[in-house]
Amino acid sequence: MKCTKCHHGELSRTRRVGLLEDNLLPLFGYFPWLCSTCKQRVLLKNRGERRRVSRDEDSDPTPFTGPHENSLHQVQ
């Protein structure tokens, strides 16, 4: 997505700042964006690409099974 002000830079989502952006603008569907070239903040209705992580990708393939028999901290 290109910048609406300079038409050169790429836009990236930025965090909401202030009372207006935190509470009022989400009701109308506006999201804050930052231009990589001119560093201008713009508010657009476009949310951007949603990033989804499936549970299979997020989980660790080797789960922790507990202390092993040869552990130095094992009490006998």
Protein backbone atom coordinates (compact mmCIF):
# COMPACT_ATOMS: atom_id res chain seq x y z
CA MET A 1 0.00 0.00 0.00
CA LYS A 2 1.43 3.40 -1.00
CA CYS A 3 1.40 6.60 1.08
CA THR A 4 -1.56 8.89 0.43
CA LYS A 5 0.53 12.02 1.09
CA CYS A 6 3.85 11.54 -0.79
CA HIS A 7 2.78 8.58 -3.04
CA HIS A 8 6.29 7.06 -2.76
CA GLY A 9 6.66 5.31 0.59
CA GLU A 10 5.14 2.09 1.81
CA LEU A 11 2.69 2.27 4.70
CA SER A 12 2.98 0.16 7.82
CA ARG A 13 0.60 -0.05 10.75
CA THR A 14 1.52 1.90 13.87
CA ARG A 15 0.07 1.93 17.35
CA ARG A 16 -2.82 4.20 18.27
CA VAL A 17 -1.88 7.40 20.11
CA GLY A 18 -4.17 9.58 22.18
CA LEU A 19 -7.75 9.53 23.34
CA LEU A 20 -9.21 10.18 19.89
CA GLU A 21 -7.38 7.30 18.19
CA ASP A 22 -7.90 4.92 21.11
CA ASN A 23 -11.62 5.42 21.66
CA LEU A 24 -13.43 7.31 18.90
CA LEU A 25 -11.78 6.39 15.59
CA PRO A 26 -12.07 2.60 16.05
CA LEU A 27 -15.85 3.06 16.18
CA PHE A 28 -15.70 4.49 12.64
CA GLY A 29 -13.19 1.90 11.41
CA TYR A 30 -10.06 4.09 11.04
CA PHE A 31 -6.60 2.62 11.59
CA PRO A 32 -3.27 4.52 11.99
CA TRP A 33 -0.53 4.01 9.40
CA LEU A 34 3.03 5.40 9.12
CA CYS A 35 4.82 6.18 5.84
CA SER A 36 8.35 4.79 5.50
CA THR A 37 9.52 7.75 3.37
CA CYS A 38 7.89 10.96 4.65
CA LYS A 39 7.14 9.63 8.20
CA GLN A 40 3.62 11.09 8.05
CA ARG A 41 0.87 9.39 10.00
CA VAL A 42 -2.34 8.78 8.09
CA LEU A 43 -5.66 7.31 9.17
CA LEU A 44 -7.26 4.89 6.72
CA LYS A 45 -10.23 2.55 6.79
CA ASN A 46 -7.98 -0.19 5.43
CA ARG A 47 -6.96 -2.56 8.23
CA GLY A 48 -4.21 -4.20 6.21
CA GLU A 49 -3.37 -7.85 5.80
CA ARG A 50 -4.44 -9.94 8.74
CA ARG A 51 -1.77 -12.21 10.15
CA ARG A 52 -3.00 -15.52 11.47
CA VAL A 53 -0.90 -18.11 13.22
CA SER A 54 -2.32 -21.60 13.41
CA ARG A 55 -2.02 -23.52 16.63
CA ASP A 56 0.16 -26.13 14.93
CA GLU A 57 2.78 -23.53 13.90
CA ASP A 58 2.76 -21.88 17.31
CA SER A 59 3.29 -25.05 19.37
CA ASP A 60 6.69 -26.49 20.21
CA PRO A 61 7.32 -29.83 18.44
CA THR A 62 9.21 -31.23 21.47
CA PRO A 63 7.19 -30.59 24.62
CA PHE A 64 8.87 -30.55 28.03
CA THR A 65 8.51 -33.95 29.67
CA GLY A 66 9.94 -33.16 33.08
CA PRO A 67 13.29 -33.87 34.78
CA HIS A 68 15.42 -36.69 33.40
CA GLU A 69 16.97 -39.56 35.36
CA ASN A 70 20.50 -38.20 35.02
CA SER A 71 19.63 -34.73 36.30
CA LEU A 72 22.17 -33.25 38.74
CA HIS A 73 19.38 -31.73 40.84
CA GLN A 74 17.55 -34.99 41.36
CA VAL A 75 17.08 -35.97 45.03
CA GLN A 76 17.74 -39.64 45.86
